[in-house]
Protein backbone atom coordinates (compact mmCIF):
# COMPACT_ATOMS: atom_id res chain seq x y z
CA MET A 1 27.59 33.48 39.64
CA ASP A 2 24.98 33.67 42.34
CA THR A 3 22.90 30.52 41.95
CA ASN A 4 20.04 32.11 43.88
CA LYS A 5 19.39 34.74 41.22
CA ASN A 6 16.68 34.38 38.60
CA SER A 7 19.26 35.09 35.89
CA TYR A 8 21.14 31.93 36.87
CA THR A 9 17.96 29.84 36.56
CA ILE A 10 17.21 31.31 33.13
CA ILE A 11 20.76 30.78 31.83
CA TYR A 12 20.85 27.25 33.24
CA THR A 13 17.54 26.41 31.59
CA ILE A 14 18.67 27.79 28.22
CA VAL A 15 21.91 25.81 28.36
CA MET A 16 20.12 22.57 29.29
CA VAL A 17 17.56 23.01 26.51
CA ALA A 18 20.37 23.60 24.01
CA VAL A 19 22.27 20.53 25.22
CA VAL A 20 19.21 18.27 25.08
CA ALA A 21 18.25 19.61 21.63
CA THR A 22 21.75 18.92 20.36
CA ILE A 23 21.71 15.38 21.73
CA LEU A 24 18.31 14.68 20.17
CA ALA A 25 19.46 16.08 16.82
CA VAL A 26 22.58 13.90 16.85
CA VAL A 27 20.57 10.80 17.79
CA SER A 28 17.99 11.56 15.10
CA LEU A 29 20.65 11.94 12.42
CA GLY A 30 22.34 8.75 13.60
CA LEU A 31 19.08 6.80 13.32
CA LYS A 32 17.88 8.37 10.07
CA ASP A 33 19.45 5.80 7.76
CA ARG A 34 18.15 2.94 9.87
CA GLN A 35 14.66 4.42 9.96
CA GLU A 36 14.61 4.90 6.20
CA THR A 37 15.81 1.32 5.69
CA ASN A 38 13.10 -0.02 8.00
CA ILE A 39 10.42 1.92 6.12
CA LYS A 40 11.67 0.58 2.79
CA VAL A 41 11.87 -2.99 4.08
CA GLU A 42 8.35 -2.73 5.52
CA LYS A 43 7.00 -1.79 2.10
CA GLN A 44 8.99 -4.56 0.42
CA MET A 45 7.49 -7.02 2.89
CA TYR A 46 3.95 -5.81 2.12
CA ILE A 47 4.56 -6.34 -1.60
CA LEU A 48 5.97 -9.84 -1.04
CA ASN A 49 3.42 -10.90 1.57
CA CYS A 50 0.43 -10.04 -0.61
CA ASP A 51 1.68 -12.68 -3.05
CA GLY A 52 2.35 -15.27 -0.36
CA LEU A 53 6.10 -14.63 -0.15
CA ALA A 54 8.56 -13.78 2.65
CA SER A 55 6.40 -15.60 5.17
CA ASP A 56 9.40 -16.25 7.45
CA ALA A 57 10.20 -12.56 7.94
CA LYS A 58 9.00 -12.54 11.54
CA THR A 59 11.09 -15.55 12.58
CA VAL A 60 14.52 -14.96 10.98
CA SER A 61 17.28 -13.24 12.91
CA ASP A 62 18.13 -10.75 10.16
CA ARG A 63 14.67 -9.60 9.07
CA ASN A 64 15.85 -6.74 6.89
CA GLY A 65 18.44 -8.81 5.07
CA TYR A 66 15.96 -11.63 4.52
CA VAL A 67 13.22 -9.37 3.14
CA GLN A 68 15.58 -7.48 0.85
CA GLY A 69 16.98 -10.77 -0.44
CA GLU A 70 13.50 -12.15 -1.16
CA PHE A 71 12.46 -8.90 -2.80
CA GLY A 72 15.44 -9.00 -5.15
CA LYS A 73 14.77 -12.67 -5.87
CA TYR A 74 11.13 -12.38 -6.86
CA ILE A 75 10.40 -8.76 -7.86
CA LYS A 76 12.14 -8.46 -11.20
CA GLU A 77 10.55 -5.35 -12.62
CA ALA A 78 8.57 -2.30 -11.52
CA LEU A 79 6.47 -0.04 -13.71
CA ILE A 80 4.69 3.26 -13.63
CA VAL A 81 1.56 3.06 -15.77
CA ASN A 82 -1.17 5.56 -16.53
CA ALA A 83 -4.95 5.20 -16.52
CA GLN A 84 -4.88 4.39 -20.23
CA GLY A 85 -2.83 1.25 -19.56
CA GLU A 86 0.35 2.66 -21.06
CA VAL A 87 3.71 1.93 -19.44
CA LEU A 88 5.37 5.26 -18.76
CA GLU A 89 8.51 3.98 -17.06
CA SER A 90 10.08 0.58 -16.42
CA PHE A 91 12.70 -0.29 -13.80
CA THR A 92 14.73 -3.47 -13.50
CA ASP A 93 17.63 -2.30 -11.33
CA ASN A 94 17.52 -1.12 -7.70
CA ILE A 95 13.76 -1.56 -7.63
CA GLY A 96 13.62 -0.75 -3.92
CA ASP A 97 14.82 2.77 -4.71
CA CYS A 98 13.14 3.38 -8.07
CA GLN A 99 10.41 5.94 -8.73
CA ALA A 100 7.71 3.28 -8.93
CA PHE A 101 8.64 2.16 -5.42
CA THR A 102 8.77 5.67 -3.94
CA LEU A 103 5.65 6.91 -5.75
CA SER A 104 3.13 8.23 -3.22
CA THR A 105 -0.17 6.38 -3.48
CA LYS A 106 -1.63 8.98 -1.13
CA ASP A 107 -0.91 11.66 -3.73
CA GLN A 108 -2.58 9.56 -6.42
CA PHE A 109 -5.59 9.01 -4.15
CA ASP A 110 -5.85 12.79 -3.71
CA ILE A 111 -5.97 13.13 -7.50
CA MET A 112 -8.72 10.48 -7.64
CA ARG A 113 -10.77 12.47 -5.16
CA LYS A 114 -10.33 15.58 -7.31
CA ILE A 115 -11.48 13.57 -10.33
CA ASP A 116 -14.62 12.52 -8.44
CA ALA A 117 -15.35 16.10 -7.45
CA GLU A 118 -14.59 17.73 -10.83
CA THR A 119 -17.63 18.64 -12.93
CA ASP A 120 -15.80 20.05 -15.94
CA ALA A 121 -15.20 17.20 -18.42
CA ALA A 122 -11.97 18.63 -19.84
CA LYS A 123 -10.46 19.23 -16.41
CA LYS A 124 -11.55 15.77 -15.28
CA GLU A 125 -9.83 14.23 -18.30
CA GLU A 126 -6.60 16.10 -17.53
CA LEU A 127 -6.67 14.87 -13.96
CA VAL A 128 -7.14 11.27 -15.13
CA LYS A 129 -4.20 11.68 -17.50
CA SER A 130 -2.03 12.88 -14.61
CA LEU A 131 -2.48 9.69 -12.59
CA ARG A 132 0.62 7.54 -12.05
CA LEU A 133 0.05 3.96 -10.90
CA PRO A 134 2.81 1.64 -9.63
CA VAL A 135 3.03 -2.01 -10.68
CA PHE A 136 5.47 -4.59 -9.31
CA ILE A 137 6.00 -7.68 -11.45
CA CYS A 138 6.62 -10.82 -9.40
CA ASP A 139 8.14 -14.05 -10.70
CA ASN A 140 6.07 -16.16 -8.35
CA PRO A 141 7.32 -19.66 -7.43
CA ASP A 142 4.12 -21.09 -8.94
CA GLY A 143 5.70 -20.42 -12.33
CA GLU A 144 3.49 -17.46 -13.24
CA LYS A 145 4.06 -13.75 -13.30
CA HIS A 146 1.85 -11.86 -10.88
CA TYR A 147 1.25 -8.14 -11.11
CA ILE A 148 1.15 -6.38 -7.77
CA LEU A 149 -1.06 -3.30 -7.66
CA SER A 150 -1.36 -0.66 -4.97
CA GLY A 151 -4.37 0.97 -3.38
CA TYR A 152 -5.00 3.72 -0.83
CA GLY A 153 -8.21 5.01 0.70
CA ALA A 154 -10.03 6.49 3.65
CA GLY A 155 -11.11 4.20 6.48
CA LEU A 156 -13.28 5.07 9.45
CA TRP A 157 -10.58 6.87 11.45
CA GLY A 158 -7.73 7.32 8.99
CA PRO A 159 -5.96 6.01 5.90
CA ILE A 160 -6.13 2.38 4.79
CA TRP A 161 -4.05 0.80 2.03
CA THR A 162 -3.60 -2.42 0.12
CA TYR A 163 -1.35 -4.42 -2.16
CA ILE A 164 -3.09 -6.87 -4.50
CA ALA A 165 -1.37 -9.50 -6.64
CA VAL A 166 -3.27 -10.05 -9.87
CA LYS A 167 -2.82 -12.88 -12.37
CA GLN A 168 -2.81 -12.42 -16.14
CA ASN A 169 -6.38 -13.71 -16.27
CA GLY A 170 -7.62 -10.84 -14.09
CA LYS A 171 -8.04 -12.90 -10.91
CA ILE A 172 -6.55 -12.04 -7.53
CA ALA A 173 -3.63 -14.23 -6.46
CA GLY A 174 -3.45 -12.62 -3.03
CA ALA A 175 -4.13 -9.42 -1.13
CA LEU A 176 -2.93 -7.60 1.97
CA PHE A 177 -4.43 -4.67 3.85
CA ASP A 178 -3.25 -2.30 6.54
CA HIS A 179 -4.39 0.84 8.28
CA GLU A 180 -3.23 3.77 10.33
CA SER A 181 -5.87 3.97 13.07
CA GLU A 182 -8.83 1.63 12.63
CA THR A 183 -10.37 0.27 15.84
CA PRO A 184 -8.55 -2.78 17.28
CA GLY A 185 -10.75 -5.86 17.20
CA LEU A 186 -13.10 -4.23 14.68
CA GLY A 187 -11.89 -2.35 11.61
CA GLY A 188 -8.34 -3.22 12.59
CA GLU A 189 -9.13 -6.83 11.64
CA ILE A 190 -8.50 -6.02 7.96
CA VAL A 191 -4.88 -7.02 8.63
CA THR A 192 -5.83 -10.58 9.62
CA GLU A 193 -5.48 -13.61 7.38
CA LYS A 194 -9.11 -14.54 8.07
CA PHE A 195 -10.15 -11.41 6.21
CA TYR A 196 -7.58 -10.96 3.45
CA SER A 197 -7.40 -14.65 2.48
CA GLN A 198 -10.99 -14.40 1.18
CA PHE A 199 -9.85 -12.31 -1.78
CA ALA A 200 -7.82 -15.06 -3.46
CA ASP A 201 -9.31 -16.08 -6.83
CA LYS A 202 -11.81 -13.23 -6.89
CA GLU A 203 -12.02 -11.49 -10.27
CA VAL A 204 -11.20 -7.85 -10.78
CA VAL A 205 -11.37 -7.75 -14.59
CA ALA A 206 -13.21 -10.11 -16.94
CA GLY A 207 -14.54 -9.73 -20.48
CA GLY A 208 -13.01 -6.29 -20.79
CA GLN A 209 -14.90 -4.96 -17.77
CA THR A 210 -14.09 -4.48 -14.13
CA VAL A 211 -15.78 -6.95 -11.82
CA PRO A 212 -16.62 -5.30 -8.49
CA VAL A 213 -15.53 -7.15 -5.37
CA LYS A 214 -18.46 -7.11 -2.96
CA ILE A 215 -18.05 -7.22 0.81
CA VAL A 216 -21.26 -8.43 2.45
CA LYS A 217 -22.46 -8.48 6.04
CA GLY A 218 -23.69 -11.38 8.09
CA GLY A 219 -21.30 -14.07 6.90
CA LYS A 220 -23.44 -14.63 3.81
CA ALA A 221 -20.81 -14.11 1.12
CA ASP A 222 -21.26 -16.09 -2.08
CA ALA A 223 -17.80 -16.91 -3.42
CA GLN A 224 -19.26 -17.51 -6.88
CA ALA A 225 -20.68 -14.00 -6.90
CA ASN A 226 -17.29 -12.38 -6.21
CA GLU A 227 -18.23 -11.71 -2.59
CA VAL A 228 -16.29 -11.81 0.67
CA ASN A 229 -17.53 -11.57 4.24
CA ALA A 230 -17.33 -8.23 5.99
CA ILE A 231 -15.73 -7.87 9.39
CA SER A 232 -18.34 -8.24 12.09
CA GLY A 233 -19.08 -4.89 13.72
CA ALA A 234 -16.93 -2.96 11.23
CA THR A 235 -19.29 -2.15 8.40
CA ILE A 236 -17.77 1.25 7.62
CA THR A 237 -14.20 -0.06 7.38
CA SER A 238 -15.33 -3.06 5.34
CA THR A 239 -17.17 -0.77 2.92
CA ALA A 240 -14.10 1.46 2.74
CA VAL A 241 -11.98 -1.54 1.71
CA GLN A 242 -14.50 -2.43 -0.99
CA THR A 243 -14.54 1.14 -2.29
CA MET A 244 -10.74 1.36 -2.28
CA ILE A 245 -10.29 -1.85 -4.26
CA ASN A 246 -12.93 -1.10 -6.85
CA ASN A 247 -11.82 2.52 -7.35
CA TRP A 248 -8.18 1.63 -7.94
CA VAL A 249 -8.97 -1.37 -10.13
CA GLU A 250 -11.05 0.89 -12.36
CA TYR A 251 -7.95 2.97 -13.10
CA TYR A 252 -5.71 -0.09 -13.42
CA LYS A 253 -8.23 -1.82 -15.73
CA PRO A 254 -6.67 -0.85 -19.08
CA TYR A 255 -3.29 -2.17 -17.94
CA ILE A 256 -4.78 -5.40 -16.57
CA MET A 257 -6.69 -5.94 -19.82
CA ASN A 258 -3.43 -5.62 -21.76
CA LEU A 259 -1.97 -8.53 -19.77
CA SER A 260 -4.30 -11.07 -21.34
CA GLU A 261 -3.85 -9.89 -24.92
């Protein structure tokens, strides 16, 4: 074949594209299981970290094995509950693969937004009934059971999410936050211990009512008033965290109230 002809260039290009595409497909398939495991382990670590567990994950040589071992050690049951506080499903085996674990909090957040926008009472009620909320029950080393709740919301630039460990008395044992694209050094600071450690011992439910967590500016938070300090220069993200927590707790409230009965 004459290598100077345009037809040669076209055929050569097609062949190279096909070869590269095949290589990429093979590599992608080869890494798929590892990627899925890493995603699962990351979520397991969030759940553990919010309750003060698996703190050595960043220092051990086998991170995945360590996290999965700690998850199996402390997370003994997972539930799917509804907004009426009823347990719809319970899982005690293979919790890292159960429906409560794989439930999309983004999808539930989308339903919550539809609830907020719906003006027809009957349709709103049906939407509320369709909500599915995951709960992870942790046998914490402090001797108590903690109930780890999920949350998902809209930050300044993209999604934010949380895991909150709640005690039977309706107080927060610990919390963890993360984000997709908040500004580094500003809204991105929701991932720091300085911010999330403030939520310990704050109330979410008391006397049969939700207790709003308030995030205040200017470093003037009153711990006795269920307040935490906002991130300096990140008012919108801080407010988004407050909204996310209080919205999700409102739907979890009936379940949390059942814990103290």
